[in-house]
Amino acid sequence: MLVYFVVFCVVGFIVGVVFKDLKLALAAMVVISVCWAFVYGPWALATFIELVLGYAVAKVITREISK
């Protein structure tokens, strides 16, 4: 399960770097989570949280770089 944590945090980070608009990024994360729900059911909630964590890290890092 640790592998999935790392994978989805990295995917969330990539979403944060690629999508500048919060609504578009949130929509992408929801779509990824819903697709994951078809595979692993309720673990999609954990997936969404991991995606948001990766997204938040990307936003913090990009703010630090742009200063």
Protein backbone atom coordinates (compact mmCIF):
# COMPACT_ATOMS: atom_id res chain seq x y z
CA MET A 1 0.00 0.00 0.00
CA LEU A 2 2.96 2.31 0.51
CA VAL A 3 3.64 2.04 -3.22
CA TYR A 4 0.16 3.40 -4.01
CA PHE A 5 0.71 6.24 -1.54
CA VAL A 6 3.89 7.29 -3.34
CA VAL A 7 2.39 6.81 -6.81
CA PHE A 8 -0.71 8.89 -6.14
CA CYS A 9 1.24 11.62 -4.33
CA VAL A 10 3.48 11.87 -7.40
CA VAL A 11 0.44 11.93 -9.70
CA GLY A 12 -1.09 14.67 -7.53
CA PHE A 13 2.17 16.59 -7.76
CA ILE A 14 2.11 16.28 -11.55
CA VAL A 15 -1.51 17.45 -11.62
CA GLY A 16 -0.47 20.45 -9.51
CA VAL A 17 2.32 21.35 -11.90
CA VAL A 18 0.35 20.80 -15.11
CA PHE A 19 -3.03 22.33 -14.17
CA LYS A 20 -2.83 25.91 -12.93
CA ASP A 21 -6.60 26.27 -12.43
CA LEU A 22 -7.86 24.82 -9.15
CA LYS A 23 -11.24 23.75 -10.58
CA LEU A 24 -9.64 21.92 -13.47
CA ALA A 25 -7.12 20.22 -11.18
CA LEU A 26 -9.88 19.21 -8.77
CA ALA A 27 -11.91 17.80 -11.64
CA ALA A 28 -8.91 15.77 -12.80
CA MET A 29 -8.38 14.40 -9.29
CA VAL A 30 -12.05 13.46 -8.97
CA VAL A 31 -11.97 11.67 -12.34
CA ILE A 32 -8.86 9.75 -11.32
CA SER A 33 -10.47 8.81 -7.99
CA VAL A 34 -13.71 7.67 -9.63
CA CYS A 35 -11.78 5.54 -12.11
CA TRP A 36 -9.82 4.07 -9.21
CA ALA A 37 -13.11 3.34 -7.40
CA PHE A 38 -14.03 0.93 -10.18
CA VAL A 39 -10.85 -1.00 -9.43
CA TYR A 40 -10.49 -0.83 -5.63
CA GLY A 41 -13.81 0.51 -4.37
CA PRO A 42 -13.64 2.53 -1.16
CA TRP A 43 -9.87 2.97 -1.45
CA ALA A 44 -10.70 5.73 -3.93
CA LEU A 45 -11.20 8.05 -0.95
CA ALA A 46 -7.62 7.42 0.16
CA THR A 47 -6.53 7.95 -3.43
CA PHE A 48 -8.25 11.33 -3.51
CA ILE A 49 -6.53 12.38 -0.28
CA GLU A 50 -3.15 11.30 -1.65
CA LEU A 51 -3.78 13.24 -4.86
CA VAL A 52 -4.69 16.35 -2.88
CA LEU A 53 -1.55 15.94 -0.76
CA GLY A 54 0.62 15.77 -3.87
CA TYR A 55 -1.21 18.75 -5.37
CA ALA A 56 -0.66 20.80 -2.20
CA VAL A 57 3.06 19.99 -2.18
CA ALA A 58 3.33 21.09 -5.82
CA LYS A 59 1.62 24.38 -5.08
CA VAL A 60 3.87 25.08 -2.08
CA ILE A 61 7.00 24.29 -4.07
CA THR A 62 5.97 26.34 -7.10
CA ARG A 63 5.21 29.31 -4.80
CA GLU A 64 8.66 29.03 -3.23
CA ILE A 65 10.34 28.93 -6.64
CA SER A 66 8.39 31.90 -7.99
CA LYS A 67 9.37 34.19 -5.06
